[in-house]
Amino acid sequence: MNPGQAALAHRKQYLAAKIAAQRSQFEADLGAFRGPPLAFAVARGFGEVLRRNALPALAFALAAGFVLTRGRLFAKGLRALQLVNKTARWWVFARLGWRFFRRSR
């Protein structure tokens, strides 16, 4: 066997081993999807609990909605979110300015 054929045979063995390893890894990764995903199972459990307790959940949601709209808590919360958004924008602008100032020195 000449050196070229030996190199080809060695390369063929290497590739066959690599393909086998990839197949086994793929089978292991695919095995995780055989059962239902965890997020789906959690959501289904939450839905069952919500279905069993629908009336108390509805009463709580109505009471919370009434308190938020009548007590002006909703308006205050919305104003706070607007203030946080504006502050975050100015904070980013100030940090960029500070970085530019430090680099220009």
N, C-alpha and C. Protein backbone atom coordinates (compact mmCIF):
# COMPACT_ATOMS: atom_id res chain seq x y z
N MET A 1 0.85 -1.17 0.00
CA MET A 1 0.00 0.00 0.00
C MET A 1 0.90 1.24 0.00
N ASN A 2 0.67 2.12 -0.93
CA ASN A 2 1.52 3.32 -1.00
C ASN A 2 1.04 4.35 0.04
N PRO A 3 1.85 5.40 0.30
CA PRO A 3 1.50 6.37 1.34
C PRO A 3 0.18 7.11 1.07
N GLY A 4 -0.14 7.37 -0.18
CA GLY A 4 -1.39 8.05 -0.49
C GLY A 4 -2.61 7.22 -0.12
N GLN A 5 -2.53 5.90 -0.43
CA GLN A 5 -3.64 5.02 -0.09
C GLN A 5 -3.78 4.85 1.42
N ALA A 6 -2.63 4.82 2.10
CA ALA A 6 -2.66 4.70 3.57
C ALA A 6 -3.30 5.94 4.19
N ALA A 7 -2.97 7.11 3.65
CA ALA A 7 -3.55 8.35 4.16
C ALA A 7 -5.06 8.37 3.91
N LEU A 8 -5.48 7.90 2.73
CA LEU A 8 -6.91 7.85 2.43
C LEU A 8 -7.64 6.87 3.34
N ALA A 9 -7.02 5.72 3.60
CA ALA A 9 -7.65 4.73 4.49
C ALA A 9 -7.78 5.29 5.90
N HIS A 10 -6.72 5.97 6.36
CA HIS A 10 -6.75 6.58 7.68
C HIS A 10 -7.84 7.66 7.75
N ARG A 11 -7.95 8.47 6.72
CA ARG A 11 -8.96 9.53 6.65
C ARG A 11 -10.37 8.92 6.64
N LYS A 12 -10.54 7.82 5.93
CA LYS A 12 -11.83 7.14 5.86
C LYS A 12 -12.24 6.61 7.24
N GLN A 13 -11.29 6.01 7.97
CA GLN A 13 -11.58 5.53 9.31
C GLN A 13 -11.94 6.68 10.25
N TYR A 14 -11.18 7.78 10.13
CA TYR A 14 -11.45 8.95 10.97
C TYR A 14 -12.84 9.51 10.71
N LEU A 15 -13.22 9.63 9.44
CA LEU A 15 -14.53 10.16 9.11
C LEU A 15 -15.65 9.22 9.55
N ALA A 16 -15.44 7.91 9.43
CA ALA A 16 -16.45 6.94 9.86
C ALA A 16 -16.67 7.05 11.38
N ALA A 17 -15.59 7.21 12.14
CA ALA A 17 -15.71 7.36 13.59
C ALA A 17 -16.40 8.68 13.94
N LYS A 18 -16.08 9.73 13.21
CA LYS A 18 -16.70 11.03 13.46
C LYS A 18 -18.20 10.98 13.17
N ILE A 19 -18.59 10.33 12.08
CA ILE A 19 -20.00 10.20 11.73
C ILE A 19 -20.74 9.39 12.80
N ALA A 20 -20.12 8.33 13.29
CA ALA A 20 -20.75 7.51 14.33
C ALA A 20 -20.95 8.32 15.61
N ALA A 21 -19.96 9.12 15.98
CA ALA A 21 -20.08 9.96 17.17
C ALA A 21 -21.18 11.00 17.00
N GLN A 22 -21.27 11.59 15.81
CA GLN A 22 -22.32 12.58 15.56
C GLN A 22 -23.70 11.95 15.59
N ARG A 23 -23.82 10.73 15.07
CA ARG A 23 -25.11 10.03 15.10
C ARG A 23 -25.55 9.75 16.53
N SER A 24 -24.61 9.27 17.34
CA SER A 24 -24.98 8.97 18.73
C SER A 24 -25.33 10.26 19.48
N GLN A 25 -24.63 11.36 19.22
CA GLN A 25 -24.96 12.64 19.85
C GLN A 25 -26.33 13.13 19.40
N PHE A 26 -26.63 12.96 18.11
CA PHE A 26 -27.92 13.38 17.57
C PHE A 26 -29.05 12.56 18.19
N GLU A 27 -28.84 11.24 18.36
CA GLU A 27 -29.85 10.40 18.99
C GLU A 27 -30.08 10.81 20.44
N ALA A 28 -29.01 11.16 21.15
CA ALA A 28 -29.16 11.61 22.53
C ALA A 28 -29.92 12.94 22.59
N ASP A 29 -29.61 13.86 21.68
CA ASP A 29 -30.31 15.14 21.65
C ASP A 29 -31.77 14.96 21.26
N LEU A 30 -32.05 14.05 20.36
CA LEU A 30 -33.41 13.80 19.92
C LEU A 30 -34.22 13.10 21.01
N GLY A 31 -33.56 12.36 21.88
CA GLY A 31 -34.26 11.68 22.96
C GLY A 31 -34.93 12.63 23.93
N ALA A 32 -34.42 13.85 24.04
CA ALA A 32 -35.03 14.83 24.93
C ALA A 32 -36.41 15.24 24.45
N PHE A 33 -36.70 15.09 23.17
CA PHE A 33 -37.98 15.51 22.62
C PHE A 33 -39.01 14.39 22.56
N ARG A 34 -38.67 13.23 23.05
CA ARG A 34 -39.61 12.12 22.98
C ARG A 34 -40.79 12.33 23.92
N GLY A 35 -40.57 12.86 25.11
CA GLY A 35 -41.64 13.16 26.05
C GLY A 35 -42.13 14.59 25.84
N PRO A 36 -43.20 14.97 26.54
CA PRO A 36 -43.66 16.35 26.39
C PRO A 36 -42.66 17.32 27.00
N PRO A 37 -42.45 18.43 26.36
CA PRO A 37 -41.51 19.42 26.92
C PRO A 37 -41.97 19.90 28.29
N LEU A 38 -41.03 20.29 29.11
CA LEU A 38 -41.32 20.70 30.47
C LEU A 38 -42.21 21.94 30.51
N ALA A 39 -41.96 22.90 29.64
CA ALA A 39 -42.75 24.12 29.64
C ALA A 39 -44.22 23.81 29.34
N PHE A 40 -44.44 22.89 28.40
CA PHE A 40 -45.83 22.52 28.07
C PHE A 40 -46.50 21.85 29.26
N ALA A 41 -45.77 20.99 29.96
CA ALA A 41 -46.34 20.30 31.11
C ALA A 41 -46.67 21.29 32.22
N VAL A 42 -45.79 22.26 32.45
CA VAL A 42 -46.05 23.28 33.48
C VAL A 42 -47.26 24.12 33.09
N ALA A 43 -47.33 24.54 31.82
CA ALA A 43 -48.46 25.36 31.37
C ALA A 43 -49.77 24.58 31.47
N ARG A 44 -49.72 23.30 31.15
CA ARG A 44 -50.93 22.49 31.25
C ARG A 44 -51.38 22.36 32.69
N GLY A 45 -50.44 22.17 33.61
CA GLY A 45 -50.78 22.11 35.03
C GLY A 45 -51.36 23.42 35.53
N PHE A 46 -50.78 24.54 35.07
CA PHE A 46 -51.31 25.85 35.46
C PHE A 46 -52.72 26.04 34.92
N GLY A 47 -52.96 25.60 33.70
CA GLY A 47 -54.30 25.70 33.11
C GLY A 47 -55.32 24.88 33.88
N GLU A 48 -54.94 23.69 34.32
CA GLU A 48 -55.85 22.86 35.10
C GLU A 48 -56.19 23.50 36.44
N VAL A 49 -55.18 24.08 37.10
CA VAL A 49 -55.43 24.77 38.37
C VAL A 49 -56.32 25.98 38.15
N LEU A 50 -56.08 26.72 37.08
CA LEU A 50 -56.89 27.89 36.78
C LEU A 50 -58.32 27.50 36.46
N ARG A 51 -58.50 26.40 35.75
CA ARG A 51 -59.84 25.93 35.41
C ARG A 51 -60.61 25.51 36.66
N ARG A 52 -59.92 24.88 37.60
CA ARG A 52 -60.58 24.48 38.85
C ARG A 52 -60.95 25.68 39.70
N ASN A 53 -60.14 26.74 39.63
CA ASN A 53 -60.36 27.93 40.47
C ASN A 53 -60.74 29.13 39.63
N ALA A 54 -61.58 28.95 38.63
CA ALA A 54 -61.91 30.02 37.70
C ALA A 54 -62.70 31.14 38.39
N LEU A 55 -63.67 30.80 39.21
CA LEU A 55 -64.50 31.82 39.84
C LEU A 55 -63.70 32.71 40.80
N PRO A 56 -62.87 32.15 41.70
CA PRO A 56 -62.06 33.04 42.55
C PRO A 56 -61.06 33.88 41.75
N ALA A 57 -60.50 33.30 40.68
CA ALA A 57 -59.56 34.07 39.86
C ALA A 57 -60.26 35.22 39.17
N LEU A 58 -61.47 34.99 38.67
CA LEU A 58 -62.24 36.06 38.03
C LEU A 58 -62.59 37.14 39.04
N ALA A 59 -62.99 36.75 40.24
CA ALA A 59 -63.33 37.73 41.27
C ALA A 59 -62.10 38.57 41.64
N PHE A 60 -60.96 37.92 41.76
CA PHE A 60 -59.73 38.65 42.08
C PHE A 60 -59.36 39.62 40.97
N ALA A 61 -59.47 39.18 39.72
CA ALA A 61 -59.12 40.05 38.59
C ALA A 61 -60.06 41.25 38.53
N LEU A 62 -61.35 41.04 38.75
CA LEU A 62 -62.30 42.15 38.73
C LEU A 62 -62.03 43.13 39.87
N ALA A 63 -61.75 42.60 41.06
CA ALA A 63 -61.46 43.48 42.20
C ALA A 63 -60.17 44.27 41.96
N ALA A 64 -59.15 43.61 41.44
CA ALA A 64 -57.88 44.30 41.17
C ALA A 64 -58.08 45.36 40.10
N GLY A 65 -58.83 45.06 39.06
CA GLY A 65 -59.11 46.05 38.02
C GLY A 65 -59.87 47.24 38.56
N PHE A 66 -60.85 46.98 39.43
CA PHE A 66 -61.61 48.08 40.01
C PHE A 66 -60.73 48.97 40.88
N VAL A 67 -59.89 48.35 41.71
CA VAL A 67 -59.01 49.13 42.60
C VAL A 67 -58.00 49.93 41.79
N LEU A 68 -57.45 49.33 40.75
CA LEU A 68 -56.45 50.03 39.95
C LEU A 68 -57.03 51.22 39.20
N THR A 69 -58.24 51.08 38.67
CA THR A 69 -58.81 52.17 37.88
C THR A 69 -59.45 53.23 38.76
N ARG A 70 -60.06 52.87 39.86
CA ARG A 70 -60.75 53.85 40.72
C ARG A 70 -59.77 54.57 41.64
N GLY A 71 -58.75 53.92 42.08
CA GLY A 71 -57.84 54.53 43.04
C GLY A 71 -56.71 55.31 42.39
N ARG A 72 -56.79 55.52 41.10
CA ARG A 72 -55.77 56.22 40.33
C ARG A 72 -54.39 55.59 40.47
N LEU A 73 -54.36 54.38 40.94
CA LEU A 73 -53.09 53.67 41.05
C LEU A 73 -52.55 53.33 39.67
N PHE A 74 -53.46 53.04 38.75
CA PHE A 74 -53.05 52.73 37.38
C PHE A 74 -52.38 53.94 36.74
N ALA A 75 -52.97 55.13 36.91
CA ALA A 75 -52.38 56.34 36.34
C ALA A 75 -51.03 56.64 36.96
N LYS A 76 -50.93 56.43 38.27
CA LYS A 76 -49.65 56.68 38.94
C LYS A 76 -48.58 55.68 38.47
N GLY A 77 -48.99 54.44 38.29
CA GLY A 77 -48.05 53.43 37.80
C GLY A 77 -47.60 53.73 36.38
N LEU A 78 -48.54 54.17 35.53
CA LEU A 78 -48.19 54.53 34.17
C LEU A 78 -47.24 55.72 34.15
N ARG A 79 -47.47 56.70 34.98
CA ARG A 79 -46.58 57.87 35.06
C ARG A 79 -45.19 57.44 35.55
N ALA A 80 -45.14 56.52 36.49
CA ALA A 80 -43.84 56.04 36.98
C ALA A 80 -43.09 55.31 35.87
N LEU A 81 -43.80 54.52 35.07
CA LEU A 81 -43.14 53.84 33.96
C LEU A 81 -42.61 54.84 32.93
N GLN A 82 -43.37 55.88 32.66
CA GLN A 82 -42.90 56.91 31.73
C GLN A 82 -41.65 57.60 32.27
N LEU A 83 -41.64 57.89 33.56
CA LEU A 83 -40.49 58.53 34.18
C LEU A 83 -39.26 57.63 34.13
N VAL A 84 -39.46 56.33 34.38
CA VAL A 84 -38.35 55.38 34.32
C VAL A 84 -37.80 55.30 32.90
N ASN A 85 -38.68 55.29 31.91
CA ASN A 85 -38.25 55.22 30.52
C ASN A 85 -37.44 56.46 30.15
N LYS A 86 -37.92 57.62 30.53
CA LYS A 86 -37.21 58.86 30.21
C LYS A 86 -35.86 58.92 30.93
N THR A 87 -35.84 58.50 32.19
CA THR A 87 -34.59 58.49 32.96
C THR A 87 -33.58 57.53 32.34
N ALA A 88 -34.04 56.37 31.91
CA ALA A 88 -33.13 55.40 31.30
C ALA A 88 -32.52 55.95 30.02
N ARG A 89 -33.34 56.64 29.22
CA ARG A 89 -32.79 57.23 27.98
C ARG A 89 -31.73 58.29 28.30
N TRP A 90 -31.99 59.15 29.25
CA TRP A 90 -31.02 60.18 29.60
C TRP A 90 -29.77 59.57 30.23
N TRP A 91 -29.95 58.49 31.00
CA TRP A 91 -28.81 57.82 31.62
C TRP A 91 -27.88 57.26 30.55
N VAL A 92 -28.45 56.63 29.53
CA VAL A 92 -27.64 56.09 28.44
C VAL A 92 -26.93 57.22 27.71
N PHE A 93 -27.64 58.30 27.46
CA PHE A 93 -27.05 59.46 26.78
C PHE A 93 -25.88 60.03 27.60
N ALA A 94 -26.06 60.12 28.92
CA ALA A 94 -24.99 60.63 29.78
C ALA A 94 -23.79 59.70 29.79
N ARG A 95 -24.03 58.39 29.82
CA ARG A 95 -22.91 57.44 29.82
C ARG A 95 -22.13 57.51 28.51
N LEU A 96 -22.85 57.64 27.38
CA LEU A 96 -22.15 57.78 26.10
C LEU A 96 -21.31 59.05 26.07
N GLY A 97 -21.89 60.14 26.59
CA GLY A 97 -21.14 61.39 26.65
C GLY A 97 -19.90 61.26 27.53
N TRP A 98 -20.04 60.59 28.65
CA TRP A 98 -18.90 60.40 29.55
C TRP A 98 -17.81 59.56 28.89
N ARG A 99 -18.21 58.50 28.18
CA ARG A 99 -17.22 57.69 27.47
C ARG A 99 -16.51 58.49 26.39
N PHE A 100 -17.27 59.29 25.66
CA PHE A 100 -16.66 60.13 24.62
C PHE A 100 -15.69 61.14 25.24
N PHE A 101 -16.09 61.72 26.38
CA PHE A 101 -15.23 62.67 27.07
C PHE A 101 -13.93 62.02 27.54
N ARG A 102 -14.06 60.81 28.11
CA ARG A 102 -12.85 60.12 28.61
C ARG A 102 -11.92 59.72 27.47
N ARG A 103 -12.48 59.33 26.33
CA ARG A 103 -11.62 58.94 25.20
C ARG A 103 -10.97 60.14 24.52
N SER A 104 -11.64 61.27 24.57
CA SER A 104 -11.09 62.45 23.89
C SER A 104 -9.97 63.10 24.70
N ARG A 105 -9.84 62.77 25.96
CA ARG A 105 -8.77 63.37 26.77
C ARG A 105 -7.45 62.76 26.47
